[in-house]
Amino acid sequence: MGNQMVFKRYEIKYLLTKEQVRLVKEKMARYMMADIHGRNTIFSLYYDTPDFLLARRSMEKPIYKEKLRLRSYGRAKPDTEVFVEIKKKYKGIVYKRRISMAKETSDRYLLKGEQVQDNQISREIDFFMKRYGNLAPRVLLSYEREAYYAKDNHEFRVTFDENILWRDEDMDLEKDVYGEAILPEDMALMEVKTADAIPLWFVEILSDLKIYKTSFSKYGNAYKMIYEREKLAIG
C-alpha cells in the first residue's frame, strides 16, 4: 500500500461491435499477450461538484480537462487495495497520477477529509479537492475489461471494455455490480494506450477492419443520461 504511480500516454478510443472485437483479437494474437490478471471487473467512482462542473467541462472538449476518481479492480472489501487518481488530459496527452491505500482508508480520506498520506501526489490530490471545495461521489461506473500488451513493448496496451454500467445511487466500491448500460449489448469500447506511435501492424489491423477512432467518455456519457433524466423530470 502507499505505492505512487504516474502515467503519461496517449489514449485512443474506438467503438467496436462484438464481431470486430473478435477479429481484432484474432489478428493481433501474434503480437500481443493477455494481461496476467485476465478479465477484470473494474469499478470507478467519480467525484464531482453538485452541478457536475468537471463532467460539463470535459464535454466541452477543452484543451485541458481533469477528473478525480476512486478505482478498484474487482468488488472491494474494507482491506482491498484501491487507487485514488487524478486524471488530466492536455493537448491529447493523458496524465494519470495515483496513490493506493485500503478501501476503508480511502473512505476516511475522501469522505471525511482525514490526512492519510503525505507525498507529492497526495498533496496534488489535496489541492485538487480544496480547489473545487465541494466534491462528492456522483457516479459509479463498472465494466468488464480484458487487457493486452505488446510482446516487444509492454508500454503499448490495448483494452476491451464490455458491459459498461453506471449508477448514481449506492455509490460504494463494496456494492454489487448493477446499473444502466451506456452501450448497446453488442458493442464494446477498445482503448489503445501508448507513449509512442501506434505500431504499423496495429494500424494495418485497424485499416483492414475499417475501424476508426472516436471521442468517448464513460463518465461523460453517464452525465448525459443523468441530464436527460432530470430534464424529463422537470417537464
Protein backbone atom coordinates (compact mmCIF):
# COMPACT_ATOMS: atom_id res chain seq x y z
CA MET A 1 0.00 0.00 0.00
CA GLY A 2 1.06 3.59 -0.48
CA ASN A 3 2.68 2.96 -3.88
CA GLN A 4 2.86 6.00 -6.13
CA MET A 5 2.17 5.60 -9.80
CA VAL A 6 2.50 8.08 -12.65
CA PHE A 7 1.37 7.58 -16.25
CA LYS A 8 1.86 9.75 -19.33
CA ARG A 9 0.48 8.43 -22.59
CA TYR A 10 -1.96 8.74 -25.46
CA GLU A 11 -5.31 7.01 -25.01
CA ILE A 12 -7.18 6.48 -28.28
CA LYS A 13 -10.72 5.12 -28.25
CA TYR A 14 -12.74 3.06 -30.73
CA LEU A 15 -16.31 1.75 -30.59
CA LEU A 16 -16.48 -1.81 -31.91
CA THR A 17 -19.09 -4.48 -32.49
CA LYS A 18 -18.50 -7.78 -30.69
CA GLU A 19 -17.59 -9.30 -34.07
CA GLN A 20 -14.95 -6.61 -34.63
CA VAL A 21 -13.57 -7.32 -31.15
CA ARG A 22 -13.21 -10.99 -32.09
CA LEU A 23 -11.42 -10.14 -35.33
CA VAL A 24 -9.04 -7.63 -33.72
CA LYS A 25 -8.06 -10.17 -31.05
CA GLU A 26 -7.53 -12.81 -33.72
CA LYS A 27 -5.33 -10.56 -35.87
CA MET A 28 -3.23 -9.17 -33.00
CA ALA A 29 -2.64 -12.54 -31.29
CA ARG A 30 0.84 -13.00 -32.80
CA TYR A 31 1.97 -9.58 -31.50
CA MET A 32 0.30 -9.28 -28.11
CA MET A 33 -0.18 -11.14 -24.83
CA ALA A 34 -3.11 -11.10 -22.43
CA ASP A 35 -2.57 -9.31 -19.15
CA ILE A 36 -1.77 -11.68 -16.28
CA HIS A 37 -4.97 -10.67 -14.45
CA GLY A 38 -7.18 -11.79 -17.35
CA ARG A 39 -10.74 -10.45 -17.49
CA ASN A 40 -11.37 -7.98 -14.66
CA THR A 41 -14.38 -6.10 -13.39
CA ILE A 42 -13.31 -2.50 -12.81
CA PHE A 43 -15.15 -0.10 -10.52
CA SER A 44 -14.58 3.65 -10.86
CA LEU A 45 -16.25 6.13 -8.50
CA TYR A 46 -16.18 9.67 -9.90
CA TYR A 47 -16.14 12.73 -7.66
CA ASP A 48 -17.66 16.00 -8.86
CA THR A 49 -19.40 19.15 -7.70
CA PRO A 50 -23.20 19.16 -7.11
CA ASP A 51 -23.72 20.71 -10.57
CA PHE A 52 -21.28 18.30 -12.28
CA LEU A 53 -18.77 21.03 -13.15
CA LEU A 54 -15.99 18.56 -14.06
CA ALA A 55 -18.27 16.49 -16.28
CA ARG A 56 -19.64 19.56 -18.06
CA ARG A 57 -16.17 20.97 -18.67
CA SER A 58 -15.00 17.64 -20.05
CA MET A 59 -17.86 17.51 -22.55
CA GLU A 60 -16.87 20.91 -23.93
CA LYS A 61 -13.67 19.24 -25.21
CA PRO A 62 -11.28 21.86 -23.83
CA ILE A 63 -7.51 21.77 -24.36
CA TYR A 64 -7.16 20.86 -20.68
CA LYS A 65 -9.52 18.81 -18.52
CA GLU A 66 -9.25 16.87 -15.29
CA LYS A 67 -11.19 14.47 -13.08
CA LEU A 68 -10.90 12.70 -9.73
CA ARG A 69 -11.90 9.09 -9.20
CA LEU A 70 -11.52 6.14 -6.86
CA ARG A 71 -10.84 2.82 -8.58
CA SER A 72 -10.81 -0.83 -7.58
CA TYR A 73 -10.07 -3.94 -9.59
CA GLY A 74 -12.93 -6.23 -8.63
CA ARG A 75 -15.52 -5.61 -5.94
CA ALA A 76 -13.75 -4.10 -2.93
CA LYS A 77 -13.69 -5.12 0.71
CA PRO A 78 -12.56 -2.81 3.55
CA ASP A 79 -8.96 -4.06 3.26
CA THR A 80 -8.83 -4.16 -0.58
CA GLU A 81 -6.19 -2.00 -2.26
CA VAL A 82 -7.86 0.85 -4.16
CA PHE A 83 -6.47 3.79 -6.11
CA VAL A 84 -7.21 7.49 -5.72
CA GLU A 85 -6.48 9.01 -9.11
CA ILE A 86 -6.25 12.40 -10.71
CA LYS A 87 -6.60 12.05 -14.46
CA LYS A 88 -5.72 15.03 -16.64
CA LYS A 89 -5.72 15.47 -20.40
CA TYR A 90 -3.78 18.23 -22.11
CA LYS A 91 -3.50 18.55 -25.89
CA GLY A 92 -4.37 14.90 -26.38
CA ILE A 93 -1.90 13.52 -23.82
CA VAL A 94 -3.28 11.79 -20.72
CA TYR A 95 -1.51 12.25 -17.39
CA LYS A 96 -2.60 9.97 -14.57
CA ARG A 97 -1.26 10.29 -11.04
CA ARG A 98 -2.48 7.97 -8.32
CA ILE A 99 -1.85 6.68 -4.84
CA SER A 100 -3.01 3.39 -3.35
CA MET A 101 -4.48 2.60 0.04
CA ALA A 102 -7.02 0.29 1.68
CA LYS A 103 -10.66 0.91 0.80
CA GLU A 104 -11.51 1.80 4.41
CA THR A 105 -8.65 4.32 4.41
CA SER A 106 -9.89 5.90 1.18
CA ASP A 107 -13.28 6.48 2.84
CA ARG A 108 -11.64 8.37 5.67
CA TYR A 109 -9.56 10.35 3.20
CA LEU A 110 -12.14 11.27 0.55
CA LEU A 111 -15.34 11.36 2.62
CA LYS A 112 -14.08 12.63 5.98
CA GLY A 113 -11.06 14.68 4.92
CA GLU A 114 -8.54 12.82 7.08
CA GLN A 115 -4.88 13.09 6.11
CA VAL A 116 -3.74 9.52 5.45
CA GLN A 117 -0.62 10.05 3.30
CA ASP A 118 1.89 12.82 2.80
CA ASN A 119 3.71 12.70 -0.53
CA GLN A 120 3.81 14.69 -3.74
CA ILE A 121 0.82 13.03 -5.35
CA SER A 122 -1.34 13.10 -2.23
CA ARG A 123 -0.64 16.82 -1.93
CA GLU A 124 -1.74 17.30 -5.55
CA ILE A 125 -4.97 15.44 -4.78
CA ASP A 126 -5.46 17.55 -1.64
CA PHE A 127 -5.03 20.71 -3.71
CA PHE A 128 -7.48 19.41 -6.32
CA MET A 129 -10.14 18.77 -3.66
CA LYS A 130 -9.60 22.12 -1.96
CA ARG A 131 -9.79 23.99 -5.26
CA TYR A 132 -13.24 22.60 -6.10
CA GLY A 133 -14.32 22.61 -2.48
CA ASN A 134 -17.48 20.52 -2.52
CA LEU A 135 -16.55 17.31 -4.31
CA ALA A 136 -18.56 14.19 -3.52
CA PRO A 137 -19.29 10.82 -5.17
CA ARG A 138 -21.53 11.46 -8.20
CA VAL A 139 -21.35 8.41 -10.49
CA LEU A 140 -20.19 4.82 -10.07
CA LEU A 141 -19.08 3.09 -13.27
CA SER A 142 -18.36 -0.62 -13.64
CA TYR A 143 -17.27 -2.63 -16.65
CA GLU A 144 -15.58 -5.87 -17.64
CA ARG A 145 -12.11 -5.35 -19.10
CA GLU A 146 -9.69 -7.53 -21.00
CA ALA A 147 -6.21 -6.07 -21.35
CA TYR A 148 -3.34 -6.97 -23.68
CA TYR A 149 0.21 -5.68 -24.10
CA ALA A 150 2.67 -5.97 -26.98
CA LYS A 151 5.26 -8.71 -26.65
CA ASP A 152 8.06 -6.37 -27.70
CA ASN A 153 6.81 -3.26 -25.88
CA HIS A 154 4.85 -3.50 -22.65
CA GLU A 155 4.02 0.21 -22.90
CA PHE A 156 1.75 -0.49 -25.88
CA ARG A 157 -1.54 -1.75 -24.47
CA VAL A 158 -4.98 -2.50 -25.86
CA THR A 159 -8.04 -2.92 -23.65
CA PHE A 160 -11.60 -4.04 -24.40
CA ASP A 161 -14.41 -2.85 -22.12
CA GLU A 162 -17.82 -4.50 -22.17
CA ASN A 163 -20.97 -4.31 -20.03
CA ILE A 164 -20.28 -0.67 -19.12
CA LEU A 165 -22.80 0.27 -16.42
CA TRP A 166 -23.40 3.47 -14.46
CA ARG A 167 -25.46 4.47 -11.45
CA ASP A 168 -25.79 7.49 -9.19
CA GLU A 169 -27.06 5.65 -6.13
CA ASP A 170 -25.48 3.04 -3.87
CA MET A 171 -22.11 4.55 -4.81
CA ASP A 172 -19.68 2.31 -2.96
CA LEU A 173 -16.97 0.05 -4.39
CA GLU A 174 -18.08 -2.66 -1.95
CA LYS A 175 -21.53 -2.97 -3.53
CA ASP A 176 -22.71 -5.35 -6.25
CA VAL A 177 -22.40 -4.73 -9.98
CA TYR A 178 -25.56 -3.17 -11.42
CA GLY A 179 -26.68 -0.04 -13.23
CA GLU A 180 -27.80 1.34 -16.57
CA ALA A 181 -25.92 0.33 -19.70
CA ILE A 182 -24.02 3.02 -21.61
CA LEU A 183 -23.55 0.98 -24.81
CA PRO A 184 -25.83 -1.42 -26.69
CA GLU A 185 -25.29 -5.06 -25.74
CA ASP A 186 -23.46 -5.88 -28.99
CA MET A 187 -20.94 -3.02 -28.66
CA ALA A 188 -17.64 -2.65 -26.80
CA LEU A 189 -15.09 0.08 -26.22
CA MET A 190 -11.50 -0.52 -27.32
CA GLU A 191 -8.76 1.73 -25.97
CA VAL A 192 -5.23 1.92 -27.29
CA LYS A 193 -2.74 3.20 -24.72
CA THR A 194 0.75 4.13 -25.83
CA ALA A 195 3.54 6.55 -25.03
CA ASP A 196 4.72 6.47 -28.66
CA ALA A 197 3.30 5.98 -32.15
CA ILE A 198 0.92 3.09 -32.78
CA PRO A 199 2.85 0.15 -34.34
CA LEU A 200 2.39 -0.26 -38.08
CA TRP A 201 0.99 -3.77 -37.70
CA PHE A 202 -1.81 -2.46 -35.49
CA VAL A 203 -2.53 0.44 -37.87
CA GLU A 204 -2.92 -2.17 -40.61
CA ILE A 205 -5.40 -4.14 -38.47
CA LEU A 206 -7.49 -1.01 -37.95
CA SER A 207 -7.35 -0.21 -41.67
CA ASP A 208 -8.25 -3.76 -42.75
CA LEU A 209 -11.28 -3.83 -40.45
CA LYS A 210 -12.29 -0.21 -41.19
CA ILE A 211 -12.12 0.77 -37.52
CA TYR A 212 -11.89 4.49 -36.81
CA LYS A 213 -11.12 6.40 -33.64
CA THR A 214 -13.86 8.19 -31.79
CA SER A 215 -14.34 10.60 -28.89
CA PHE A 216 -15.92 8.72 -26.00
CA SER A 217 -16.06 9.31 -22.25
CA LYS A 218 -17.72 6.78 -19.95
CA TYR A 219 -18.26 9.41 -17.27
CA GLY A 220 -19.37 12.00 -19.83
CA ASN A 221 -21.97 9.63 -21.27
CA ALA A 222 -23.25 8.80 -17.78
CA TYR A 223 -23.63 12.53 -17.09
CA LYS A 224 -25.57 12.98 -20.35
CA MET A 225 -28.02 10.30 -19.25
CA ILE A 226 -28.40 11.96 -15.84
CA TYR A 227 -29.01 15.32 -17.53
CA GLU A 228 -31.65 13.87 -19.86
CA ARG A 229 -33.38 12.14 -16.94
CA GLU A 230 -33.51 15.39 -14.97
CA LYS A 231 -34.89 17.28 -17.98
CA LEU A 232 -37.70 14.74 -18.28
CA ALA A 233 -38.43 15.00 -14.56
CA ILE A 234 -38.73 18.78 -14.77
CA GLY A 235 -41.08 18.85 -17.63
